């Protein structure tokens, strides 16, 4: 038990670095162009997925790195049915608004895309 607790705790201390190492195609863009204005980026992302709204955009994204955008399901009904996106986190090139990847943070999976969020939410389960 102590070994598992120690290893998972160590992984949590470096969760962002480990996540970027496991998923470099989501965290690195290779594009060093200037970032779009925040309102333009948000508008494009919300147009891309009308079932979600952007709730967090980091302001300190470095050139060549993706922005980790947090999303939330819209509460109104879209297209006659309840909106329920399959993801709440999106990795985006901030200079083009190109979506590099997306995931549901709380999904229970040990795949390389989900292992860090899974370890992060494990104590809450």
C-alpha atoms as a PDB file:
ATOM      1  CA  UNK A   1       0.000   0.000   0.000  1.00  0.00           C
ATOM      2  CA  UNK A   2       2.755   2.456   0.908  1.00  0.00           C
ATOM      3  CA  UNK A   3       4.639   1.801  -2.334  1.00  0.00           C
ATOM      4  CA  UNK A   4       1.503   2.493  -4.404  1.00  0.00           C
ATOM      5  CA  UNK A   5       0.714   5.605  -2.359  1.00  0.00           C
ATOM      6  CA  UNK A   6       4.288   6.848  -2.733  1.00  0.00           C
ATOM      7  CA  UNK A   7       4.435   6.261  -6.478  1.00  0.00           C
ATOM      8  CA  UNK A   8       1.045   7.809  -7.176  1.00  0.00           C
ATOM      9  CA  UNK A   9       1.897  10.774  -4.932  1.00  0.00           C
ATOM     10  CA  UNK A  10       5.163  11.290  -6.770  1.00  0.00           C
ATOM     11  CA  UNK A  11       3.333  11.175 -10.091  1.00  0.00           C
ATOM     12  CA  UNK A  12       0.916  13.814  -8.838  1.00  0.00           C
ATOM     13  CA  UNK A  13       3.755  16.142  -7.902  1.00  0.00           C
ATOM     14  CA  UNK A  14       4.884  16.119 -11.542  1.00  0.00           C
ATOM     15  CA  UNK A  15       1.522  15.483 -13.215  1.00  0.00           C
ATOM     16  CA  UNK A  16       1.809  18.266 -15.801  1.00  0.00           C
ATOM     17  CA  UNK A  17       5.312  17.241 -16.867  1.00  0.00           C
ATOM     18  CA  UNK A  18       4.373  13.543 -17.019  1.00  0.00           C
ATOM     19  CA  UNK A  19       1.215  14.314 -18.973  1.00  0.00           C
ATOM     20  CA  UNK A  20       3.232  16.362 -21.502  1.00  0.00           C
ATOM     21  CA  UNK A  21       5.799  13.539 -21.775  1.00  0.00           C
ATOM     22  CA  UNK A  22       3.076  10.942 -22.413  1.00  0.00           C
ATOM     23  CA  UNK A  23       1.126  13.135 -24.857  1.00  0.00           C
ATOM     24  CA  UNK A  24       3.603  15.413 -26.658  1.00  0.00           C
ATOM     25  CA  UNK A  25       1.293  15.754 -29.680  1.00  0.00           C
ATOM     26  CA  UNK A  26      -1.260  17.449 -27.404  1.00  0.00           C
ATOM     27  CA  UNK A  27       1.147  19.737 -25.550  1.00  0.00           C
ATOM     28  CA  UNK A  28       3.533  20.901 -28.294  1.00  0.00           C
ATOM     29  CA  UNK A  29       2.407  22.758 -31.420  1.00  0.00           C
ATOM     30  CA  UNK A  30       5.704  23.648 -33.091  1.00  0.00           C
ATOM     31  CA  UNK A  31       3.981  26.879 -34.109  1.00  0.00           C
ATOM     32  CA  UNK A  32       5.633  29.999 -32.687  1.00  0.00           C
ATOM     33  CA  UNK A  33       3.252  32.518 -34.274  1.00  0.00           C
ATOM     34  CA  UNK A  34       1.591  34.989 -31.887  1.00  0.00           C
ATOM     35  CA  UNK A  35      -1.498  33.775 -30.063  1.00  0.00           C
ATOM     36  CA  UNK A  36      -4.930  34.872 -31.187  1.00  0.00           C
ATOM     37  CA  UNK A  37      -6.740  37.366 -28.965  1.00  0.00           C
ATOM     38  CA  UNK A  38      -8.565  35.468 -26.206  1.00  0.00           C
ATOM     39  CA  UNK A  39     -12.035  36.503 -27.408  1.00  0.00           C
ATOM     40  CA  UNK A  40     -11.288  35.272 -30.956  1.00  0.00           C
ATOM     41  CA  UNK A  41      -9.907  31.970 -29.641  1.00  0.00           C
ATOM     42  CA  UNK A  42     -12.959  31.417 -27.428  1.00  0.00           C
ATOM     43  CA  UNK A  43     -15.348  32.317 -30.242  1.00  0.00           C
ATOM     44  CA  UNK A  44     -13.711  29.829 -32.629  1.00  0.00           C
ATOM     45  CA  UNK A  45     -13.659  27.033 -30.036  1.00  0.00           C
ATOM     46  CA  UNK A  46     -17.283  27.521 -29.075  1.00  0.00           C
ATOM     47  CA  UNK A  47     -18.243  27.563 -32.770  1.00  0.00           C
ATOM     48  CA  UNK A  48     -16.333  24.285 -33.183  1.00  0.00           C
ATOM     49  CA  UNK A  49     -18.460  22.624 -30.473  1.00  0.00           C
ATOM     50  CA  UNK A  50     -21.828  24.318 -29.817  1.00  0.00           C
ATOM     51  CA  UNK A  51     -22.595  21.897 -26.938  1.00  0.00           C
ATOM     52  CA  UNK A  52     -19.793  23.326 -24.796  1.00  0.00           C
ATOM     53  CA  UNK A  53     -18.716  26.684 -23.531  1.00  0.00           C
ATOM     54  CA  UNK A  54     -15.190  27.696 -22.642  1.00  0.00           C
ATOM     55  CA  UNK A  55     -14.749  28.323 -18.913  1.00  0.00           C
ATOM     56  CA  UNK A  56     -10.957  28.633 -18.636  1.00  0.00           C
ATOM     57  CA  UNK A  57      -8.217  29.775 -21.004  1.00  0.00           C
ATOM     58  CA  UNK A  58      -4.649  30.129 -19.703  1.00  0.00           C
ATOM     59  CA  UNK A  59      -3.121  33.527 -20.345  1.00  0.00           C
ATOM     60  CA  UNK A  60       0.500  32.440 -20.012  1.00  0.00           C
ATOM     61  CA  UNK A  61       0.836  29.883 -22.814  1.00  0.00           C
ATOM     62  CA  UNK A  62       4.392  29.864 -24.180  1.00  0.00           C
ATOM     63  CA  UNK A  63       5.047  29.990 -27.957  1.00  0.00           C
ATOM     64  CA  UNK A  64       5.153  26.484 -29.410  1.00  0.00           C
ATOM     65  CA  UNK A  65       3.001  25.044 -26.624  1.00  0.00           C
ATOM     66  CA  UNK A  66      -0.680  24.206 -26.629  1.00  0.00           C
ATOM     67  CA  UNK A  67      -3.237  25.901 -24.425  1.00  0.00           C
ATOM     68  CA  UNK A  68      -5.202  23.611 -22.089  1.00  0.00           C
ATOM     69  CA  UNK A  69      -8.759  24.847 -22.383  1.00  0.00           C
ATOM     70  CA  UNK A  70     -11.408  23.800 -19.878  1.00  0.00           C
ATOM     71  CA  UNK A  71     -14.968  23.399 -21.095  1.00  0.00           C
ATOM     72  CA  UNK A  72     -18.364  22.996 -19.534  1.00  0.00           C
ATOM     73  CA  UNK A  73     -21.580  21.627 -20.973  1.00  0.00           C
ATOM     74  CA  UNK A  74     -24.138  24.254 -21.916  1.00  0.00           C
ATOM     75  CA  UNK A  75     -27.238  24.033 -19.751  1.00  0.00           C
ATOM     76  CA  UNK A  76     -29.715  24.914 -22.481  1.00  0.00           C
ATOM     77  CA  UNK A  77     -30.985  22.317 -24.894  1.00  0.00           C
ATOM     78  CA  UNK A  78     -29.295  22.194 -28.271  1.00  0.00           C
ATOM     79  CA  UNK A  79     -31.058  20.644 -31.264  1.00  0.00           C
ATOM     80  CA  UNK A  80     -33.964  19.333 -29.209  1.00  0.00           C
ATOM     81  CA  UNK A  81     -31.873  17.170 -26.878  1.00  0.00           C
ATOM     82  CA  UNK A  82     -29.864  17.634 -23.728  1.00  0.00           C
ATOM     83  CA  UNK A  83     -26.305  18.663 -24.479  1.00  0.00           C
ATOM     84  CA  UNK A  84     -23.631  16.436 -23.009  1.00  0.00           C
ATOM     85  CA  UNK A  85     -20.151  16.641 -24.490  1.00  0.00           C
ATOM     86  CA  UNK A  86     -17.845  13.656 -24.148  1.00  0.00           C
ATOM     87  CA  UNK A  87     -14.948  15.869 -23.055  1.00  0.00           C
ATOM     88  CA  UNK A  88     -14.227  18.781 -20.721  1.00  0.00           C
ATOM     89  CA  UNK A  89     -10.612  19.528 -21.598  1.00  0.00           C
ATOM     90  CA  UNK A  90      -9.237  20.561 -24.966  1.00  0.00           C
ATOM     91  CA  UNK A  91      -5.653  21.087 -26.162  1.00  0.00           C
ATOM     92  CA  UNK A  92      -5.485  23.896 -28.693  1.00  0.00           C
ATOM     93  CA  UNK A  93      -2.874  25.689 -30.782  1.00  0.00           C
ATOM     94  CA  UNK A  94      -3.406  29.249 -29.466  1.00  0.00           C
ATOM     95  CA  UNK A  95      -2.260  30.875 -32.706  1.00  0.00           C
ATOM     96  CA  UNK A  96      -4.646  28.996 -35.026  1.00  0.00           C
ATOM     97  CA  UNK A  97      -7.365  27.589 -32.709  1.00  0.00           C
ATOM     98  CA  UNK A  98      -6.638  24.127 -34.154  1.00  0.00           C
ATOM     99  CA  UNK A  99      -7.777  21.401 -31.763  1.00  0.00           C
ATOM    100  CA  UNK A 100      -4.906  19.009 -31.027  1.00  0.00           C
ATOM    101  CA  UNK A 101      -6.771  16.746 -28.626  1.00  0.00           C
ATOM    102  CA  UNK A 102      -9.578  16.461 -26.110  1.00  0.00           C
ATOM    103  CA  UNK A 103     -10.483  14.310 -23.153  1.00  0.00           C
ATOM    104  CA  UNK A 104     -12.854  13.886 -20.250  1.00  0.00           C
ATOM    105  CA  UNK A 105     -10.773  14.669 -17.157  1.00  0.00           C
ATOM    106  CA  UNK A 106     -12.690  12.337 -14.854  1.00  0.00           C
ATOM    107  CA  UNK A 107     -12.781   9.294 -17.165  1.00  0.00           C
ATOM    108  CA  UNK A 108     -11.568   6.123 -15.484  1.00  0.00           C
ATOM    109  CA  UNK A 109      -8.890   4.762 -17.805  1.00  0.00           C
ATOM    110  CA  UNK A 110      -5.233   3.803 -17.695  1.00  0.00           C
ATOM    111  CA  UNK A 111      -4.572   4.709 -21.335  1.00  0.00           C
ATOM    112  CA  UNK A 112      -1.675   7.104 -21.901  1.00  0.00           C
ATOM    113  CA  UNK A 113      -4.167   9.905 -22.628  1.00  0.00           C
ATOM    114  CA  UNK A 114      -6.039   9.364 -19.350  1.00  0.00           C
ATOM    115  CA  UNK A 115      -3.587   7.899 -16.840  1.00  0.00           C
ATOM    116  CA  UNK A 116      -2.538  11.220 -15.256  1.00  0.00           C
ATOM    117  CA  UNK A 117      -6.100  12.548 -14.795  1.00  0.00           C
ATOM    118  CA  UNK A 118      -7.067   9.102 -13.455  1.00  0.00           C
ATOM    119  CA  UNK A 119      -4.275   9.208 -10.852  1.00  0.00           C
ATOM    120  CA  UNK A 120      -5.189  12.788 -10.006  1.00  0.00           C
ATOM    121  CA  UNK A 121      -8.850  11.904  -9.315  1.00  0.00           C
ATOM    122  CA  UNK A 122      -8.178   8.469  -7.745  1.00  0.00           C
ATOM    123  CA  UNK A 123      -8.327   9.708  -4.109  1.00  0.00           C
ATOM    124  CA  UNK A 124     -11.795  11.149  -4.780  1.00  0.00           C
ATOM    125  CA  UNK A 125     -13.192   7.856  -6.102  1.00  0.00           C
END
